PDB file of N, CA and C in Angstrom:
ATOM      1  N   MET A   1       0.800  -1.200  -0.041  1.00  0.00           N
ATOM      2  CA  MET A   1      -0.012   0.011  -0.019  1.00  0.00           C
ATOM      3  C   MET A   1       0.827   1.299   0.006  1.00  0.00           C
ATOM      4  N   GLN A   2       2.067   1.100   0.524  1.00  0.00           N
ATOM      5  CA  GLN A   2       2.873   2.343   0.602  1.00  0.00           C
ATOM      6  C   GLN A   2       3.302   2.700  -0.835  1.00  0.00           C
ATOM      7  N   ARG A   3       3.607   1.745  -1.700  1.00  0.00           N
ATOM      8  CA  ARG A   3       3.862   2.176  -3.127  1.00  0.00           C
ATOM      9  C   ARG A   3       2.702   2.928  -3.688  1.00  0.00           C
ATOM     10  N   ALA A   4       1.476   2.456  -3.497  1.00  0.00           N
ATOM     11  CA  ALA A   4       0.316   2.973  -4.052  1.00  0.00           C
ATOM     12  C   ALA A   4       0.229   4.482  -3.667  1.00  0.00           C
ATOM     13  N   ARG A   5       0.589   4.682  -2.334  1.00  0.00           N
ATOM     14  CA  ARG A   5       0.475   6.011  -1.741  1.00  0.00           C
ATOM     15  C   ARG A   5       1.545   6.955  -2.463  1.00  0.00           C
ATOM     16  N   SER A   6       2.611   6.365  -2.505  1.00  0.00           N
ATOM     17  CA  SER A   6       3.833   7.087  -3.144  1.00  0.00           C
ATOM     18  C   SER A   6       3.539   7.386  -4.551  1.00  0.00           C
ATOM     19  N   GLU A   7       2.738   6.633  -5.249  1.00  0.00           N
ATOM     20  CA  GLU A   7       2.388   6.976  -6.600  1.00  0.00           C
ATOM     21  C   GLU A   7       1.030   7.800  -6.664  1.00  0.00           C
ATOM     22  N   ARG A   8       0.655   8.392  -5.539  1.00  0.00           N
ATOM     23  CA  ARG A   8      -0.438   9.268  -5.435  1.00  0.00           C
ATOM     24  C   ARG A   8      -1.850   8.679  -5.738  1.00  0.00           C
ATOM     25  N   ILE A   9      -2.081   7.369  -5.428  1.00  0.00           N
ATOM     26  CA  ILE A   9      -3.327   6.714  -5.484  1.00  0.00           C
ATOM     27  C   ILE A   9      -4.151   7.142  -4.304  1.00  0.00           C
ATOM     28  N   SER A  10      -5.325   7.557  -4.571  1.00  0.00           N
ATOM     29  CA  SER A  10      -6.146   8.064  -3.430  1.00  0.00           C
ATOM     30  C   SER A  10      -6.427   6.946  -2.331  1.00  0.00           C
ATOM     31  N   GLU A  11      -6.689   7.409  -1.111  1.00  0.00           N
ATOM     32  CA  GLU A  11      -6.841   6.505  -0.063  1.00  0.00           C
ATOM     33  C   GLU A  11      -8.187   5.741  -0.325  1.00  0.00           C
ATOM     34  N   GLN A  12      -9.225   6.340  -0.896  1.00  0.00           N
ATOM     35  CA  GLN A  12     -10.469   5.648  -1.268  1.00  0.00           C
ATOM     36  C   GLN A  12     -10.224   4.483  -2.141  1.00  0.00           C
ATOM     37  N   THR A  13      -9.418   4.798  -3.150  1.00  0.00           N
ATOM     38  CA  THR A  13      -9.133   3.795  -4.224  1.00  0.00           C
ATOM     39  C   THR A  13      -8.317   2.605  -3.533  1.00  0.00           C
ATOM     40  N   ILE A  14      -7.391   2.945  -2.684  1.00  0.00           N
ATOM     41  CA  ILE A  14      -6.620   1.897  -2.067  1.00  0.00           C
ATOM     42  C   ILE A  14      -7.492   1.054  -1.135  1.00  0.00           C
ATOM     43  N   ARG A  15      -8.347   1.772  -0.296  1.00  0.00           N
ATOM     44  CA  ARG A  15      -9.097   1.080   0.644  1.00  0.00           C
ATOM     45  C   ARG A  15     -10.258   0.133  -0.173  1.00  0.00           C
ATOM     46  N   SER A  16     -10.663   0.548  -1.199  1.00  0.00           N
ATOM     47  CA  SER A  16     -11.717  -0.180  -1.881  1.00  0.00           C
ATOM     48  C   SER A  16     -11.190  -1.338  -2.767  1.00  0.00           C
ATOM     49  N   ASN A  17      -9.888  -1.303  -3.188  1.00  0.00           N
ATOM     50  CA  ASN A  17      -9.323  -2.269  -4.081  1.00  0.00           C
ATOM     51  C   ASN A  17      -8.343  -3.264  -3.429  1.00  0.00           C
ATOM     52  N   ILE A  18      -7.519  -2.792  -2.500  1.00  0.00           N
ATOM     53  CA  ILE A  18      -6.534  -3.632  -1.995  1.00  0.00           C
ATOM     54  C   ILE A  18      -7.048  -4.881  -1.268  1.00  0.00           C
ATOM     55  N   PRO A  19      -8.127  -4.862  -0.508  1.00  0.00           N
ATOM     56  CA  PRO A  19      -8.670  -5.949   0.092  1.00  0.00           C
ATOM     57  C   PRO A  19      -8.990  -7.167  -0.894  1.00  0.00           C
ATOM     58  N   ALA A  20      -9.310  -6.700  -2.106  1.00  0.00           N
ATOM     59  CA  ALA A  20      -9.777  -7.744  -3.036  1.00  0.00           C
ATOM     60  C   ALA A  20      -8.753  -8.344  -3.915  1.00  0.00           C
ATOM     61  N   LEU A  21      -7.544  -7.666  -3.809  1.00  0.00           N
ATOM     62  CA  LEU A  21      -6.472  -8.176  -4.678  1.00  0.00           C
ATOM     63  C   LEU A  21      -6.088  -9.616  -4.177  1.00  0.00           C
ATOM     64  N   ARG A  22      -5.688 -10.422  -5.174  1.00  0.00           N
ATOM     65  CA  ARG A  22      -5.229 -11.819  -4.988  1.00  0.00           C
ATOM     66  C   ARG A  22      -3.958 -12.083  -5.801  1.00  0.00           C
ATOM     67  N   LEU A  23      -2.940 -12.654  -5.311  1.00  0.00           N
ATOM     68  CA  LEU A  23      -1.714 -12.863  -6.002  1.00  0.00           C
ATOM     69  C   LEU A  23      -1.906 -14.054  -7.085  1.00  0.00           C
ATOM     70  N   ASN A  24      -1.659 -13.776  -8.341  1.00  0.00           N
ATOM     71  CA  ASN A  24      -1.775 -14.841  -9.379  1.00  0.00           C
ATOM     72  C   ASN A  24      -0.349 -15.382  -9.616  1.00  0.00           C
ATOM     73  N   GLU A  25      -0.056 -16.457  -9.077  1.00  0.00           N
ATOM     74  CA  GLU A  25       1.365 -16.997  -9.229  1.00  0.00           C
ATOM     75  C   GLU A  25       1.684 -17.250 -10.690  1.00  0.00           C
ATOM     76  N   ARG A  26       0.801 -17.774 -11.596  1.00  0.00           N
ATOM     77  CA  ARG A  26       0.989 -17.975 -12.989  1.00  0.00           C
ATOM     78  C   ARG A  26       1.356 -16.660 -13.708  1.00  0.00           C
ATOM     79  N   ALA A  27       0.605 -15.572 -13.370  1.00  0.00           N
ATOM     80  CA  ALA A  27       0.823 -14.398 -13.855  1.00  0.00           C
ATOM     81  C   ALA A  27       2.225 -13.806 -13.570  1.00  0.00           C
ATOM     82  N   MET A  28       2.591 -14.023 -12.295  1.00  0.00           N
ATOM     83  CA  MET A  28       3.928 -13.649 -11.805  1.00  0.00           C
ATOM     84  C   MET A  28       5.045 -14.428 -12.592  1.00  0.00           C
ATOM     85  N   GLN A  29       4.817 -15.730 -12.814  1.00  0.00           N
ATOM     86  CA  GLN A  29       5.847 -16.414 -13.555  1.00  0.00           C
ATOM     87  C   GLN A  29       5.891 -15.935 -14.966  1.00  0.00           C
ATOM     88  N   LEU A  30       4.844 -15.805 -15.670  1.00  0.00           N
ATOM     89  CA  LEU A  30       4.915 -15.367 -17.010  1.00  0.00           C
ATOM     90  C   LEU A  30       5.575 -13.926 -17.070  1.00  0.00           C
ATOM     91  N   ASP A  31       5.264 -12.999 -16.089  1.00  0.00           N
ATOM     92  CA  ASP A  31       5.924 -11.727 -16.208  1.00  0.00           C
ATOM     93  C   ASP A  31       7.367 -11.779 -15.915  1.00  0.00           C
ATOM     94  N   ARG A  32       7.862 -12.545 -15.005  1.00  0.00           N
ATOM     95  CA  ARG A  32       9.191 -12.681 -14.791  1.00  0.00           C
ATOM     96  C   ARG A  32       9.958 -13.336 -15.934  1.00  0.00           C
ATOM     97  N   ALA A  33       9.220 -14.256 -16.640  1.00  0.00           N
ATOM     98  CA  ALA A  33       9.961 -14.934 -17.811  1.00  0.00           C
ATOM     99  C   ALA A  33      10.086 -14.009 -19.010  1.00  0.00           C
ATOM    100  N   GLN A  34       9.326 -12.875 -19.028  1.00  0.00           N
ATOM    101  CA  GLN A  34       9.577 -11.927 -20.236  1.00  0.00           C
ATOM    102  C   GLN A  34      10.418 -10.750 -19.966  1.00  0.00           C
ATOM    103  N   ARG A  35      10.797 -10.617 -18.666  1.00  0.00           N
ATOM    104  CA  ARG A  35      11.584  -9.493 -18.445  1.00  0.00           C
ATOM    105  C   ARG A  35      13.072  -9.614 -18.864  1.00  0.00           C
ATOM    106  N   PRO A  36      13.607  -8.643 -19.413  1.00  0.00           N
ATOM    107  CA  PRO A  36      15.082  -8.728 -19.705  1.00  0.00           C
ATOM    108  C   PRO A  36      15.892  -8.913 -18.367  1.00  0.00           C
ATOM    109  N   THR A  37      16.901  -9.734 -18.345  1.00  0.00           N
ATOM    110  CA  THR A  37      17.687 -10.034 -17.176  1.00  0.00           C
ATOM    111  C   THR A  37      18.773  -8.930 -16.904  1.00  0.00           C
ATOM    112  N   SER A  38      19.176  -8.245 -17.825  1.00  0.00           N
ATOM    113  CA  SER A  38      20.287  -7.305 -17.612  1.00  0.00           C
ATOM    114  C   SER A  38      19.919  -5.933 -17.207  1.00  0.00           C
ATOM    115  N   ARG A  39      18.594  -5.721 -16.998  1.00  0.00           N
ATOM    116  CA  ARG A  39      18.102  -4.426 -16.457  1.00  0.00           C
ATOM    117  C   ARG A  39      17.412  -4.617 -15.106  1.00  0.00           C
ATOM    118  N   GLY A  40      17.240  -3.527 -14.423  1.00  0.00           N
ATOM    119  CA  GLY A  40      16.583  -3.575 -13.205  1.00  0.00           C
ATOM    120  C   GLY A  40      15.045  -3.346 -13.321  1.00  0.00           C
ATOM    121  N   PRO A  41      14.288  -3.387 -12.394  1.00  0.00           N
ATOM    122  CA  PRO A  41      12.834  -3.386 -12.544  1.00  0.00           C
ATOM    123  C   PRO A  41      12.276  -1.863 -12.976  1.00  0.00           C
ATOM    124  N   ARG A  42      13.138  -0.861 -12.694  1.00  0.00           N
ATOM    125  CA  ARG A  42      12.690   0.471 -13.041  1.00  0.00           C
ATOM    126  C   ARG A  42      13.102   0.808 -14.498  1.00  0.00           C
ATOM    127  N   THR A  43      13.881  -0.053 -15.123  1.00  0.00           N
ATOM    128  CA  THR A  43      14.270   0.199 -16.484  1.00  0.00           C
ATOM    129  C   THR A  43      13.953  -1.062 -17.332  1.00  0.00           C
ATOM    130  N   SER A  44      12.830  -1.564 -17.194  1.00  0.00           N
ATOM    131  CA  SER A  44      12.520  -2.808 -17.953  1.00  0.00           C
ATOM    132  C   SER A  44      12.301  -2.660 -19.450  1.00  0.00           C
ATOM    133  N   PHE A  45      12.191  -1.443 -19.813  1.00  0.00           N
ATOM    134  CA  PHE A  45      11.902  -1.150 -21.272  1.00  0.00           C
ATOM    135  C   PHE A  45      13.272  -0.728 -21.950  1.00  0.00           C
ATOM    136  N   PRO A  46      13.662  -1.196 -23.083  1.00  0.00           N
ATOM    137  CA  PRO A  46      14.772  -0.813 -23.763  1.00  0.00           C
ATOM    138  C   PRO A  46      14.788   0.732 -24.107  1.00  0.00           C
ATOM    139  N   PRO A  47      15.841   1.313 -24.269  1.00  0.00           N
ATOM    140  CA  PRO A  47      15.829   2.746 -24.733  1.00  0.00           C
ATOM    141  C   PRO A  47      15.215   2.832 -26.089  1.00  0.00           C
ATOM    142  N   LEU A  48      14.484   3.895 -26.319  1.00  0.00           N
ATOM    143  CA  LEU A  48      13.728   4.138 -27.581  1.00  0.00           C
ATOM    144  C   LEU A  48      14.582   4.707 -28.575  1.00  0.00           C
ATOM    145  N   ALA A  49      15.618   5.601 -28.221  1.00  0.00           N
ATOM    146  CA  ALA A  49      16.470   6.429 -29.191  1.00  0.00           C
ATOM    147  C   ALA A  49      17.068   5.456 -30.154  1.00  0.00           C
ATOM    148  N   PRO A  50      17.862   4.377 -29.688  1.00  0.00           N
ATOM    149  CA  PRO A  50      18.462   3.574 -30.627  1.00  0.00           C
ATOM    150  C   PRO A  50      17.520   2.853 -31.712  1.00  0.00           C
ATOM    151  N   TYR A  51      16.282   2.501 -31.212  1.00  0.00           N
ATOM    152  CA  TYR A  51      15.356   1.887 -32.150  1.00  0.00           C
ATOM    153  C   TYR A  51      15.055   3.036 -33.190  1.00  0.00           C
ATOM    154  N   LEU A  52      14.723   4.220 -32.740  1.00  0.00           N
ATOM    155  CA  LEU A  52      14.254   5.194 -33.704  1.00  0.00           C
ATOM    156  C   LEU A  52      15.475   5.540 -34.639  1.00  0.00           C
ATOM    157  N   ARG A  53      16.658   5.699 -34.160  1.00  0.00           N
ATOM    158  CA  ARG A  53      17.688   5.920 -35.017  1.00  0.00           C
ATOM    159  C   ARG A  53      17.908   4.881 -36.152  1.00  0.00           C
ATOM    160  N   ASP A  54      17.700   3.589 -35.648  1.00  0.00           N
ATOM    161  CA  ASP A  54      17.976   2.400 -36.600  1.00  0.00           C
ATOM    162  C   ASP A  54      16.820   2.100 -37.517  1.00  0.00           C
ATOM    163  N   HIS A  55      15.553   2.487 -37.088  1.00  0.00           N
ATOM    164  CA  HIS A  55      14.457   1.995 -37.860  1.00  0.00           C
ATOM    165  C   HIS A  55      13.537   3.076 -38.492  1.00  0.00           C
ATOM    166  N   VAL A  56      13.563   4.201 -38.001  1.00  0.00           N
ATOM    167  CA  VAL A  56      12.806   5.370 -38.465  1.00  0.00           C
ATOM    168  C   VAL A  56      13.730   6.229 -39.276  1.00  0.00           C
ATOM    169  N   THR A  57      13.836   5.824 -40.507  1.00  0.00           N
ATOM    170  CA  THR A  57      14.843   6.471 -41.531  1.00  0.00           C
ATOM    171  C   THR A  57      14.104   7.589 -42.237  1.00  0.00           C
ATOM    172  N   PRO A  58      14.930   8.606 -42.735  1.00  0.00           N
ATOM    173  CA  PRO A  58      14.213   9.714 -43.559  1.00  0.00           C
ATOM    174  C   PRO A  58      13.337   9.093 -44.765  1.00  0.00           C
ATOM    175  N   SER A  59      13.813   7.992 -45.257  1.00  0.00           N
ATOM    176  CA  SER A  59      13.112   7.332 -46.421  1.00  0.00           C
ATOM    177  C   SER A  59      11.711   6.924 -45.773  1.00  0.00           C
ATOM    178  N   LEU A  60      11.708   6.284 -44.753  1.00  0.00           N
ATOM    179  CA  LEU A  60      10.390   5.831 -44.020  1.00  0.00           C
ATOM    180  C   LEU A  60       9.536   6.953 -43.785  1.00  0.00           C
ATOM    181  N   ILE A  61      10.030   8.101 -43.269  1.00  0.00           N
ATOM    182  CA  ILE A  61       9.258   9.340 -42.971  1.00  0.00           C
ATOM    183  C   ILE A  61       8.641   9.888 -44.293  1.00  0.00           C
ATOM    184  N   SER A  62       9.532   9.957 -45.341  1.00  0.00           N
ATOM    185  CA  SER A  62       9.017  10.558 -46.594  1.00  0.00           C
ATOM    186  C   SER A  62       7.979   9.626 -47.109  1.00  0.00           C
ATOM    187  N   ARG A  63       8.145   8.418 -47.187  1.00  0.00           N
ATOM    188  CA  ARG A  63       7.013   7.503 -47.635  1.00  0.00           C
ATOM    189  C   ARG A  63       5.747   7.571 -46.880  1.00  0.00           C
ATOM    190  N   GLY A  64       5.960   7.778 -45.556  1.00  0.00           N
ATOM    191  CA  GLY A  64       4.642   7.942 -44.724  1.00  0.00           C
ATOM    192  C   GLY A  64       4.103   9.236 -45.002  1.00  0.00           C
ATOM    193  N   GLN A  65       4.806  10.311 -45.145  1.00  0.00           N
ATOM    194  CA  GLN A  65       4.190  11.566 -45.498  1.00  0.00           C
ATOM    195  C   GLN A  65       3.527  11.604 -46.905  1.00  0.00           C
ATOM    196  N   ALA A  66       4.103  10.978 -47.844  1.00  0.00           N
ATOM    197  CA  ALA A  66       3.466  10.783 -49.197  1.00  0.00           C
ATOM    198  C   ALA A  66       2.113   9.966 -49.047  1.00  0.00           C
ATOM    199  N   ARG A  67       2.252   8.954 -48.330  1.00  0.00           N
ATOM    200  CA  ARG A  67       0.934   8.008 -48.242  1.00  0.00           C
ATOM    201  C   ARG A  67      -0.046   8.919 -47.426  1.00  0.00           C
ATOM    202  N   TYR A  68       0.262   9.549 -46.397  1.00  0.00           N
ATOM    203  CA  TYR A  68      -0.703  10.426 -45.620  1.00  0.00           C
ATOM    204  C   TYR A  68      -1.296  11.482 -46.523  1.00  0.00           C
ATOM    205  N   SER A  69      -0.465  12.178 -47.345  1.00  0.00           N
ATOM    206  CA  SER A  69      -0.867  13.150 -48.241  1.00  0.00           C
ATOM    207  C   SER A  69      -1.926  12.578 -49.213  1.00  0.00           C
ATOM    208  N   SER A  70      -1.620  11.367 -49.749  1.00  0.00           N
ATOM    209  CA  SER A  70      -2.541  10.854 -50.834  1.00  0.00           C
ATOM    210  C   SER A  70      -3.996  10.563 -50.193  1.00  0.00           C
ATOM    211  N   HIS A  71      -4.114  10.439 -48.908  1.00  0.00           N
ATOM    212  CA  HIS A  71      -5.315  10.158 -48.315  1.00  0.00           C
ATOM    213  C   HIS A  71      -6.005  11.434 -47.818  1.00  0.00           C
ATOM    214  N   TRP A  72      -5.209  12.490 -47.480  1.00  0.00           N
ATOM    215  CA  TRP A  72      -5.642  13.721 -46.880  1.00  0.00           C
ATOM    216  C   TRP A  72      -5.049  14.970 -47.669  1.00  0.00           C
ATOM    217  N   PRO A  73      -5.401  15.088 -48.889  1.00  0.00           N
ATOM    218  CA  PRO A  73      -4.724  16.290 -49.608  1.00  0.00           C
ATOM    219  C   PRO A  73      -5.047  17.555 -48.908  1.00  0.00           C
ATOM    220  N   ALA A  74      -4.040  18.401 -49.080  1.00  0.00           N
ATOM    221  CA  ALA A  74      -4.192  19.753 -48.505  1.00  0.00           C
ATOM    222  C   ALA A  74      -5.238  20.630 -49.165  1.00  0.00           C
TER     223      ALA A  74
END
């Protein structure tokens, strides 16, 4: 509950939901299995900048703009 409070979840929401929560072991196993092992829990998502640099090329942007323009002419 302390984490919920630190995330600014209202007391009313905490009191009305926490008692009904049940741990789902299978969900926990599946979640742990998909996490990267080289990063901590606060950085479980890979950085976006390298992906954008490698995959969102000027050519891709130009093609997207042309396609958009063909559907929505000015």
